Amino acid sequence: MTEKVDLVFNYGGKWVLSPQVVYIKKLNEIWHGYDVDLLSYIDICSEFIEKYGFRAVKQLLVTKPTGRYYLLEDDSSIRTLQSALSSQFSVLQLFAVDEGEATVVIPNICDLNKPYPAVPVEVATDCESNEEEEDQNEPIPSDYNSDELKVFRKEKTERSMTS
């Protein structure tokens, strides 16, 4: 995990929610070399309110290096984000949805590490079978004769050597 990150506070832009979520950037402020251990959900929300004119932070979002948006809901989300940080992912693009703006529907960053639940699957077939067909140890008939194949390969090798 990396120890310092750059925080980019994006504000004053506009959200486009369809056909995919996109933020049209307008203004940003960058904090260079911020200590990862000091990241706090409440502190980040407070910055958007106190410095960038938000009435209340309805949603806090971050993008991963792929550009995909993820929702941060609390300090648990921040811890998940901290564990994902690396030398390749050390610039946090932060976005906020202000009170009164439309809600952005995106996955929660905490859901990235959760395993998918096991789903029981039953296998069935429409085919009928009899006991003779169920012997799985029977060899499968082949369309070619292995002795003929050996002769063919030998002749081919001899022809390529004489050419």
N, C-alpha and C. Protein backbone atom coordinates (compact mmCIF):
# COMPACT_ATOMS: atom_id res chain seq x y z
N MET A 1 0.84 -1.18 0.00
CA MET A 1 0.00 0.00 0.00
C MET A 1 0.89 1.24 0.00
N THR A 2 0.45 2.22 -0.72
CA THR A 2 1.19 3.47 -0.80
C THR A 2 0.89 4.34 0.43
N GLU A 3 1.83 5.21 0.81
CA GLU A 3 1.65 6.03 2.02
C GLU A 3 1.09 7.41 1.73
N LYS A 4 1.35 7.93 0.53
CA LYS A 4 0.89 9.28 0.16
C LYS A 4 0.09 9.20 -1.13
N VAL A 5 -0.95 10.01 -1.21
CA VAL A 5 -1.77 10.09 -2.42
C VAL A 5 -2.05 11.54 -2.77
N ASP A 6 -2.43 11.76 -3.99
CA ASP A 6 -2.91 13.08 -4.41
C ASP A 6 -4.43 13.02 -4.44
N LEU A 7 -5.07 13.97 -3.78
CA LEU A 7 -6.53 14.06 -3.77
C LEU A 7 -6.95 15.12 -4.77
N VAL A 8 -7.83 14.77 -5.67
CA VAL A 8 -8.36 15.73 -6.65
C VAL A 8 -9.84 15.90 -6.35
N PHE A 9 -10.20 17.08 -5.83
CA PHE A 9 -11.59 17.42 -5.53
C PHE A 9 -12.20 18.03 -6.79
N ASN A 10 -13.15 17.32 -7.41
CA ASN A 10 -13.84 17.81 -8.61
C ASN A 10 -15.15 18.44 -8.19
N TYR A 11 -15.42 19.66 -8.67
CA TYR A 11 -16.65 20.36 -8.29
C TYR A 11 -17.06 21.34 -9.39
N GLY A 12 -18.31 21.78 -9.31
CA GLY A 12 -18.80 22.77 -10.27
C GLY A 12 -19.16 22.20 -11.63
N GLY A 13 -19.01 20.90 -11.80
CA GLY A 13 -19.33 20.26 -13.08
C GLY A 13 -20.76 19.78 -13.11
N LYS A 14 -21.02 18.89 -14.05
CA LYS A 14 -22.39 18.40 -14.25
C LYS A 14 -22.36 16.89 -14.45
N TRP A 15 -23.34 16.21 -13.88
CA TRP A 15 -23.47 14.76 -14.03
C TRP A 15 -24.36 14.45 -15.24
N VAL A 16 -23.91 13.52 -16.06
CA VAL A 16 -24.73 12.95 -17.12
C VAL A 16 -24.96 11.51 -16.70
N LEU A 17 -26.23 11.13 -16.54
CA LEU A 17 -26.52 9.81 -15.97
C LEU A 17 -26.91 8.77 -17.01
N SER A 18 -27.14 9.16 -18.24
CA SER A 18 -27.58 8.20 -19.23
C SER A 18 -26.91 8.51 -20.56
N PRO A 19 -26.46 7.58 -21.32
CA PRO A 19 -26.59 6.14 -21.17
C PRO A 19 -25.62 5.54 -20.16
N GLN A 20 -24.55 6.28 -19.80
CA GLN A 20 -23.66 5.83 -18.74
C GLN A 20 -23.29 7.03 -17.89
N VAL A 21 -22.84 6.76 -16.67
CA VAL A 21 -22.51 7.83 -15.74
C VAL A 21 -21.21 8.52 -16.18
N VAL A 22 -21.30 9.84 -16.37
CA VAL A 22 -20.15 10.64 -16.75
C VAL A 22 -20.23 11.98 -16.02
N TYR A 23 -19.10 12.45 -15.54
CA TYR A 23 -19.04 13.76 -14.91
C TYR A 23 -18.31 14.71 -15.87
N ILE A 24 -18.99 15.78 -16.24
CA ILE A 24 -18.37 16.77 -17.10
C ILE A 24 -17.63 17.74 -16.19
N LYS A 25 -16.31 17.64 -16.20
CA LYS A 25 -15.47 18.39 -15.26
C LYS A 25 -15.49 19.88 -15.56
N LYS A 26 -15.47 20.64 -14.49
CA LYS A 26 -15.38 22.09 -14.63
C LYS A 26 -14.20 22.61 -13.82
N LEU A 27 -14.23 22.40 -12.50
CA LEU A 27 -13.18 22.89 -11.61
C LEU A 27 -12.64 21.74 -10.77
N ASN A 28 -11.39 21.89 -10.35
CA ASN A 28 -10.86 20.93 -9.38
C ASN A 28 -9.75 21.58 -8.58
N GLU A 29 -9.50 20.99 -7.44
CA GLU A 29 -8.39 21.41 -6.59
C GLU A 29 -7.63 20.16 -6.20
N ILE A 30 -6.31 20.25 -6.23
CA ILE A 30 -5.47 19.08 -5.95
C ILE A 30 -4.70 19.29 -4.66
N TRP A 31 -4.75 18.27 -3.82
CA TRP A 31 -3.90 18.23 -2.62
C TRP A 31 -2.83 17.18 -2.90
N HIS A 32 -1.59 17.59 -2.99
CA HIS A 32 -0.49 16.68 -3.28
C HIS A 32 0.06 16.06 -1.99
N GLY A 33 0.42 14.79 -2.07
CA GLY A 33 1.11 14.11 -0.97
C GLY A 33 0.31 13.98 0.31
N TYR A 34 -0.98 13.67 0.20
CA TYR A 34 -1.83 13.53 1.38
C TYR A 34 -1.59 12.17 2.03
N ASP A 35 -1.47 12.12 3.34
CA ASP A 35 -1.22 10.88 4.08
C ASP A 35 -2.45 9.97 4.02
N VAL A 36 -2.28 8.78 3.49
CA VAL A 36 -3.37 7.81 3.31
C VAL A 36 -4.05 7.49 4.64
N ASP A 37 -3.29 7.41 5.71
CA ASP A 37 -3.85 7.06 7.02
C ASP A 37 -4.80 8.13 7.56
N LEU A 38 -4.72 9.34 7.02
CA LEU A 38 -5.58 10.43 7.50
C LEU A 38 -6.88 10.58 6.70
N LEU A 39 -7.06 9.73 5.68
CA LEU A 39 -8.30 9.80 4.89
C LEU A 39 -9.51 9.53 5.78
N SER A 40 -10.52 10.37 5.67
CA SER A 40 -11.72 10.24 6.48
C SER A 40 -12.93 10.65 5.66
N TYR A 41 -13.97 9.85 5.71
CA TYR A 41 -15.20 10.14 4.97
C TYR A 41 -15.77 11.50 5.37
N ILE A 42 -15.89 11.74 6.64
CA ILE A 42 -16.48 12.99 7.13
C ILE A 42 -15.62 14.20 6.73
N ASP A 43 -14.31 14.06 6.81
CA ASP A 43 -13.42 15.17 6.44
C ASP A 43 -13.53 15.51 4.95
N ILE A 44 -13.63 14.49 4.11
CA ILE A 44 -13.75 14.73 2.67
C ILE A 44 -15.09 15.42 2.37
N CYS A 45 -16.16 14.94 2.98
CA CYS A 45 -17.48 15.57 2.80
C CYS A 45 -17.45 17.02 3.29
N SER A 46 -16.79 17.26 4.41
CA SER A 46 -16.69 18.62 4.96
C SER A 46 -15.97 19.55 3.99
N GLU A 47 -14.94 19.05 3.30
CA GLU A 47 -14.23 19.88 2.32
C GLU A 47 -15.17 20.32 1.20
N PHE A 48 -15.97 19.40 0.70
CA PHE A 48 -16.92 19.75 -0.37
C PHE A 48 -17.92 20.80 0.11
N ILE A 49 -18.34 20.71 1.37
CA ILE A 49 -19.32 21.67 1.91
C ILE A 49 -18.67 23.02 2.21
N GLU A 50 -17.56 23.00 2.94
CA GLU A 50 -16.95 24.25 3.40
C GLU A 50 -16.19 25.01 2.33
N LYS A 51 -15.49 24.30 1.44
CA LYS A 51 -14.64 24.99 0.46
C LYS A 51 -15.25 25.11 -0.93
N TYR A 52 -16.13 24.19 -1.30
CA TYR A 52 -16.60 24.15 -2.68
C TYR A 52 -18.09 24.45 -2.82
N GLY A 53 -18.74 24.89 -1.74
CA GLY A 53 -20.10 25.41 -1.82
C GLY A 53 -21.23 24.40 -1.87
N PHE A 54 -20.97 23.16 -1.49
CA PHE A 54 -22.05 22.18 -1.46
C PHE A 54 -22.94 22.43 -0.24
N ARG A 55 -24.27 22.25 -0.41
CA ARG A 55 -25.18 22.40 0.74
C ARG A 55 -25.03 21.21 1.68
N ALA A 56 -25.04 20.03 1.11
CA ALA A 56 -24.83 18.78 1.86
C ALA A 56 -24.38 17.73 0.85
N VAL A 57 -23.48 16.87 1.24
CA VAL A 57 -23.00 15.82 0.34
C VAL A 57 -23.99 14.66 0.40
N LYS A 58 -24.71 14.48 -0.69
CA LYS A 58 -25.68 13.39 -0.79
C LYS A 58 -24.96 12.08 -1.08
N GLN A 59 -23.96 12.13 -1.95
CA GLN A 59 -23.16 10.97 -2.30
C GLN A 59 -21.71 11.41 -2.50
N LEU A 60 -20.78 10.55 -2.09
CA LEU A 60 -19.35 10.78 -2.32
C LEU A 60 -18.86 9.66 -3.24
N LEU A 61 -18.18 10.05 -4.31
CA LEU A 61 -17.75 9.08 -5.30
C LEU A 61 -16.25 9.21 -5.57
N VAL A 62 -15.68 8.12 -6.06
CA VAL A 62 -14.27 8.09 -6.43
C VAL A 62 -14.17 7.29 -7.72
N THR A 63 -13.15 7.59 -8.52
CA THR A 63 -12.92 6.77 -9.71
C THR A 63 -11.65 5.97 -9.51
N LYS A 64 -11.68 4.77 -10.04
CA LYS A 64 -10.48 3.93 -10.06
C LYS A 64 -9.71 4.27 -11.32
N PRO A 65 -8.49 3.77 -11.50
CA PRO A 65 -7.71 4.09 -12.70
C PRO A 65 -8.43 3.75 -14.01
N THR A 66 -9.36 2.81 -13.95
CA THR A 66 -10.12 2.43 -15.15
C THR A 66 -11.11 3.52 -15.55
N GLY A 67 -11.36 4.48 -14.64
CA GLY A 67 -12.32 5.53 -14.92
C GLY A 67 -13.71 5.22 -14.41
N ARG A 68 -13.89 4.04 -13.87
CA ARG A 68 -15.20 3.63 -13.36
C ARG A 68 -15.46 4.29 -12.01
N TYR A 69 -16.69 4.74 -11.78
CA TYR A 69 -17.07 5.40 -10.54
C TYR A 69 -17.50 4.39 -9.49
N TYR A 70 -17.14 4.69 -8.23
CA TYR A 70 -17.56 3.86 -7.10
C TYR A 70 -18.04 4.76 -5.97
N LEU A 71 -19.03 4.29 -5.26
CA LEU A 71 -19.64 5.02 -4.16
C LEU A 71 -18.87 4.79 -2.87
N LEU A 72 -18.61 5.88 -2.14
CA LEU A 72 -18.04 5.81 -0.79
C LEU A 72 -19.14 6.24 0.16
N GLU A 73 -19.49 5.39 1.13
CA GLU A 73 -20.61 5.71 2.02
C GLU A 73 -20.19 6.05 3.45
N ASP A 74 -19.03 5.58 3.86
CA ASP A 74 -18.61 5.79 5.24
C ASP A 74 -17.12 5.45 5.36
N ASP A 75 -16.61 5.43 6.58
CA ASP A 75 -15.19 5.12 6.77
C ASP A 75 -14.85 3.68 6.40
N SER A 76 -15.83 2.79 6.41
CA SER A 76 -15.59 1.42 5.95
C SER A 76 -15.24 1.44 4.46
N SER A 77 -15.93 2.28 3.70
CA SER A 77 -15.62 2.45 2.28
C SER A 77 -14.22 3.02 2.10
N ILE A 78 -13.86 3.95 2.96
CA ILE A 78 -12.52 4.56 2.90
C ILE A 78 -11.46 3.48 3.15
N ARG A 79 -11.69 2.59 4.10
CA ARG A 79 -10.72 1.51 4.38
C ARG A 79 -10.58 0.58 3.17
N THR A 80 -11.70 0.29 2.51
CA THR A 80 -11.63 -0.53 1.30
C THR A 80 -10.81 0.18 0.24
N LEU A 81 -11.03 1.47 0.10
CA LEU A 81 -10.27 2.28 -0.86
C LEU A 81 -8.78 2.28 -0.50
N GLN A 82 -8.46 2.43 0.78
CA GLN A 82 -7.06 2.44 1.23
C GLN A 82 -6.37 1.13 0.86
N SER A 83 -7.07 0.01 1.00
CA SER A 83 -6.45 -1.28 0.70
C SER A 83 -6.22 -1.45 -0.81
N ALA A 84 -6.95 -0.70 -1.63
CA ALA A 84 -6.78 -0.80 -3.08
C ALA A 84 -5.67 0.11 -3.61
N LEU A 85 -5.20 1.03 -2.79
CA LEU A 85 -4.19 1.98 -3.24
C LEU A 85 -2.85 1.30 -3.49
N SER A 86 -2.16 1.76 -4.53
CA SER A 86 -0.84 1.21 -4.86
C SER A 86 -0.08 2.29 -5.62
N SER A 87 1.12 1.96 -6.05
CA SER A 87 1.90 2.94 -6.80
C SER A 87 1.23 3.27 -8.14
N GLN A 88 0.45 2.33 -8.69
CA GLN A 88 -0.28 2.59 -9.93
C GLN A 88 -1.58 3.34 -9.69
N PHE A 89 -2.08 3.33 -8.47
CA PHE A 89 -3.35 3.96 -8.11
C PHE A 89 -3.12 4.86 -6.92
N SER A 90 -2.54 6.02 -7.17
CA SER A 90 -2.19 6.92 -6.07
C SER A 90 -2.77 8.33 -6.24
N VAL A 91 -3.66 8.49 -7.22
CA VAL A 91 -4.35 9.76 -7.41
C VAL A 91 -5.84 9.47 -7.26
N LEU A 92 -6.45 10.07 -6.25
CA LEU A 92 -7.87 9.84 -6.00
C LEU A 92 -8.69 10.98 -6.59
N GLN A 93 -9.47 10.65 -7.59
CA GLN A 93 -10.40 11.60 -8.19
C GLN A 93 -11.68 11.53 -7.38
N LEU A 94 -11.98 12.58 -6.60
CA LEU A 94 -13.15 12.60 -5.72
C LEU A 94 -14.25 13.48 -6.31
N PHE A 95 -15.47 13.01 -6.20
CA PHE A 95 -16.64 13.71 -6.71
C PHE A 95 -17.72 13.66 -5.64
N ALA A 96 -18.57 14.66 -5.63
CA ALA A 96 -19.69 14.66 -4.69
C ALA A 96 -20.97 15.02 -5.44
N VAL A 97 -22.06 14.42 -5.00
CA VAL A 97 -23.38 14.76 -5.50
C VAL A 97 -24.01 15.63 -4.43
N ASP A 98 -24.39 16.84 -4.80
CA ASP A 98 -24.95 17.80 -3.86
C ASP A 98 -26.41 17.48 -3.58
N GLU A 99 -26.86 17.91 -2.42
CA GLU A 99 -28.26 17.78 -2.06
C GLU A 99 -29.09 18.47 -3.15
N GLY A 100 -30.12 17.83 -3.61
CA GLY A 100 -30.96 18.39 -4.66
C GLY A 100 -30.60 17.90 -6.05
N GLU A 101 -29.40 17.34 -6.24
CA GLU A 101 -29.03 16.76 -7.53
C GLU A 101 -29.55 15.32 -7.61
N ALA A 102 -29.69 14.83 -8.82
CA ALA A 102 -30.14 13.45 -9.02
C ALA A 102 -29.12 12.46 -8.46
N THR A 103 -29.61 11.39 -7.88
CA THR A 103 -28.74 10.35 -7.33
C THR A 103 -28.04 9.61 -8.46
N VAL A 104 -26.76 9.35 -8.27
CA VAL A 104 -25.96 8.61 -9.25
C VAL A 104 -26.00 7.14 -8.84
N VAL A 105 -26.43 6.29 -9.76
CA VAL A 105 -26.54 4.86 -9.47
C VAL A 105 -25.25 4.18 -9.93
N ILE A 106 -24.43 3.82 -8.94
CA ILE A 106 -23.14 3.17 -9.19
C ILE A 106 -22.88 2.16 -8.08
N PRO A 107 -21.96 1.22 -8.29
CA PRO A 107 -21.67 0.23 -7.25
C PRO A 107 -20.90 0.85 -6.07
N ASN A 108 -21.13 0.28 -4.91
CA ASN A 108 -20.40 0.67 -3.71
C ASN A 108 -19.02 0.03 -3.76
N ILE A 109 -18.00 0.77 -3.40
CA ILE A 109 -16.63 0.25 -3.47
C ILE A 109 -16.45 -0.95 -2.53
N CYS A 110 -17.23 -1.04 -1.47
CA CYS A 110 -17.13 -2.18 -0.54
C CYS A 110 -17.57 -3.48 -1.20
N ASP A 111 -18.41 -3.40 -2.23
CA ASP A 111 -18.89 -4.60 -2.90
C ASP A 111 -17.85 -5.24 -3.80
N LEU A 112 -16.74 -4.54 -4.06
CA LEU A 112 -15.71 -5.09 -4.93
C LEU A 112 -15.03 -6.32 -4.34
N ASN A 113 -14.90 -6.37 -3.04
CA ASN A 113 -14.17 -7.47 -2.39
C ASN A 113 -15.07 -8.59 -1.91
N LYS A 114 -16.39 -8.45 -2.07
CA LYS A 114 -17.30 -9.48 -1.59
C LYS A 114 -17.40 -10.61 -2.61
N PRO A 115 -17.34 -11.84 -2.12
CA PRO A 115 -17.50 -12.97 -3.05
C PRO A 115 -18.96 -13.07 -3.49
N TYR A 116 -19.15 -13.56 -4.69
CA TYR A 116 -20.52 -13.79 -5.16
C TYR A 116 -21.10 -14.97 -4.41
N PRO A 117 -22.39 -14.91 -4.06
CA PRO A 117 -22.99 -16.03 -3.34
C PRO A 117 -23.08 -17.26 -4.23
N ALA A 118 -22.90 -18.41 -3.62
CA ALA A 118 -23.00 -19.66 -4.36
C ALA A 118 -24.46 -19.90 -4.72
N VAL A 119 -24.67 -20.26 -5.95
CA VAL A 119 -26.03 -20.52 -6.43
C VAL A 119 -26.11 -21.99 -6.79
N PRO A 120 -27.04 -22.72 -6.15
CA PRO A 120 -27.15 -24.14 -6.49
C PRO A 120 -27.68 -24.30 -7.92
N VAL A 121 -27.06 -25.20 -8.66
CA VAL A 121 -27.46 -25.44 -10.04
C VAL A 121 -27.76 -26.92 -10.20
N GLU A 122 -28.91 -27.20 -10.77
CA GLU A 122 -29.26 -28.59 -11.05
C GLU A 122 -29.07 -28.82 -12.54
N VAL A 123 -28.48 -29.96 -12.87
CA VAL A 123 -28.24 -30.28 -14.26
C VAL A 123 -29.24 -31.36 -14.67
N ALA A 124 -29.87 -31.15 -15.80
CA ALA A 124 -30.85 -32.12 -16.31
C ALA A 124 -30.72 -32.20 -17.81
N THR A 125 -31.33 -33.23 -18.38
CA THR A 125 -31.31 -33.40 -19.83
C THR A 125 -32.65 -33.94 -20.30
N ASP A 126 -32.97 -33.69 -21.55
CA ASP A 126 -34.22 -34.20 -22.13
C ASP A 126 -34.01 -35.58 -22.73
N CYS A 127 -32.78 -35.97 -22.91
CA CYS A 127 -32.45 -37.21 -23.60
C CYS A 127 -32.78 -38.42 -22.74
N GLU A 128 -33.11 -39.48 -23.45
CA GLU A 128 -33.31 -40.76 -22.77
C GLU A 128 -32.06 -41.60 -22.99
N SER A 129 -31.77 -42.45 -22.06
CA SER A 129 -30.63 -43.35 -22.22
C SER A 129 -30.99 -44.71 -21.67
N ASN A 130 -30.21 -45.71 -22.08
CA ASN A 130 -30.41 -47.03 -21.51
C ASN A 130 -29.11 -47.44 -20.83
N GLU A 131 -29.12 -48.55 -20.17
CA GLU A 131 -27.97 -48.98 -19.38
C GLU A 131 -26.73 -49.23 -20.24
N GLU A 132 -26.91 -49.67 -21.50
CA GLU A 132 -25.77 -49.94 -22.36
C GLU A 132 -24.99 -48.65 -22.65
N GLU A 133 -25.70 -47.53 -22.80
CA GLU A 133 -25.05 -46.27 -23.12
C GLU A 133 -24.34 -45.66 -21.92
N GLU A 134 -24.65 -46.10 -20.73
CA GLU A 134 -24.10 -45.49 -19.53
C GLU A 134 -22.70 -45.97 -19.17
N ASP A 135 -22.17 -46.96 -19.91
CA ASP A 135 -20.82 -47.43 -19.62
C ASP A 135 -19.82 -46.39 -20.12
N GLN A 136 -19.27 -45.62 -19.19
CA GLN A 136 -18.38 -44.50 -19.53
C GLN A 136 -16.96 -44.96 -19.88
N ASN A 137 -16.63 -46.23 -19.63
CA ASN A 137 -15.27 -46.70 -19.87
C ASN A 137 -15.07 -47.24 -21.28
N GLU A 138 -16.10 -47.25 -22.09
CA GLU A 138 -15.98 -47.75 -23.46
C GLU A 138 -15.20 -46.76 -24.30
N PRO A 139 -14.28 -47.24 -25.15
CA PRO A 139 -13.54 -46.31 -25.99
C PRO A 139 -14.46 -45.65 -27.02
N ILE A 140 -14.15 -44.43 -27.35
CA ILE A 140 -14.93 -43.70 -28.34
C ILE A 140 -14.42 -44.09 -29.72
N PRO A 141 -15.31 -44.49 -30.62
CA PRO A 141 -14.85 -44.89 -31.96
C PRO A 141 -14.21 -43.71 -32.69
N SER A 142 -13.18 -44.00 -33.44
CA SER A 142 -12.43 -42.95 -34.12
C SER A 142 -12.71 -43.00 -35.62
N ASP A 143 -12.59 -41.84 -36.28
CA ASP A 143 -12.81 -41.78 -37.72
C ASP A 143 -11.55 -42.12 -38.52
N TYR A 144 -10.44 -42.34 -37.88
CA TYR A 144 -9.21 -42.64 -38.58
C TYR A 144 -8.50 -43.81 -37.92
N ASN A 145 -7.65 -44.42 -38.68
CA ASN A 145 -6.88 -45.56 -38.21
C ASN A 145 -5.50 -45.02 -37.81
N SER A 146 -5.08 -45.27 -36.58
CA SER A 146 -3.82 -44.72 -36.10
C SER A 146 -2.63 -45.27 -36.88
N ASP A 147 -2.69 -46.52 -37.38
CA ASP A 147 -1.59 -47.06 -38.18
C ASP A 147 -1.47 -46.31 -39.50
N GLU A 148 -2.62 -46.01 -40.11
CA GLU A 148 -2.60 -45.24 -41.36
C GLU A 148 -2.03 -43.84 -41.14
N LEU A 149 -2.35 -43.26 -40.02
CA LEU A 149 -1.85 -41.92 -39.69
C LEU A 149 -0.33 -41.92 -39.55
N LYS A 150 0.20 -42.95 -38.92
CA LYS A 150 1.65 -43.05 -38.76
C LYS A 150 2.35 -43.16 -40.12
N VAL A 151 1.78 -43.97 -41.01
CA VAL A 151 2.36 -44.14 -42.35
C VAL A 151 2.31 -42.81 -43.10
N PHE A 152 1.18 -42.10 -43.00
CA PHE A 152 1.02 -40.82 -43.67
C PHE A 152 2.06 -39.82 -43.17
N ARG A 153 2.26 -39.73 -41.88
CA ARG A 153 3.24 -38.79 -41.31
C ARG A 153 4.65 -39.14 -41.77
N LYS A 154 4.96 -40.43 -41.82
CA LYS A 154 6.29 -40.88 -42.23
C LYS A 154 6.54 -40.48 -43.68
N GLU A 155 5.55 -40.71 -44.55
CA GLU A 155 5.69 -40.34 -45.96
C GLU A 155 5.85 -38.83 -46.12
N LYS A 156 5.10 -38.07 -45.37
CA LYS A 156 5.16 -36.62 -45.44
C LYS A 156 6.54 -36.12 -45.02
N THR A 157 7.10 -36.70 -43.96
CA THR A 157 8.42 -36.32 -43.46
C THR A 157 9.49 -36.63 -44.50
N GLU A 158 9.38 -37.81 -45.13
CA GLU A 158 10.35 -38.20 -46.15
C GLU A 158 10.28 -37.26 -47.35
N ARG A 159 9.06 -36.85 -47.76
CA ARG A 159 8.90 -35.94 -48.89
C ARG A 159 9.51 -34.57 -48.58
N SER A 160 9.33 -34.08 -47.38
CA SER A 160 9.85 -32.77 -47.03
C SER A 160 11.38 -32.79 -46.94
N MET A 161 11.97 -33.92 -46.63
CA MET A 161 13.42 -34.02 -46.54
C MET A 161 14.05 -34.06 -47.92
N THR A 162 13.34 -34.62 -48.90
CA THR A 162 13.89 -34.71 -50.25
C THR A 162 13.67 -33.43 -51.04
N SER A 163 12.80 -32.57 -50.60
CA SER A 163 12.52 -31.31 -51.33
C SER A 163 13.58 -30.27 -51.13
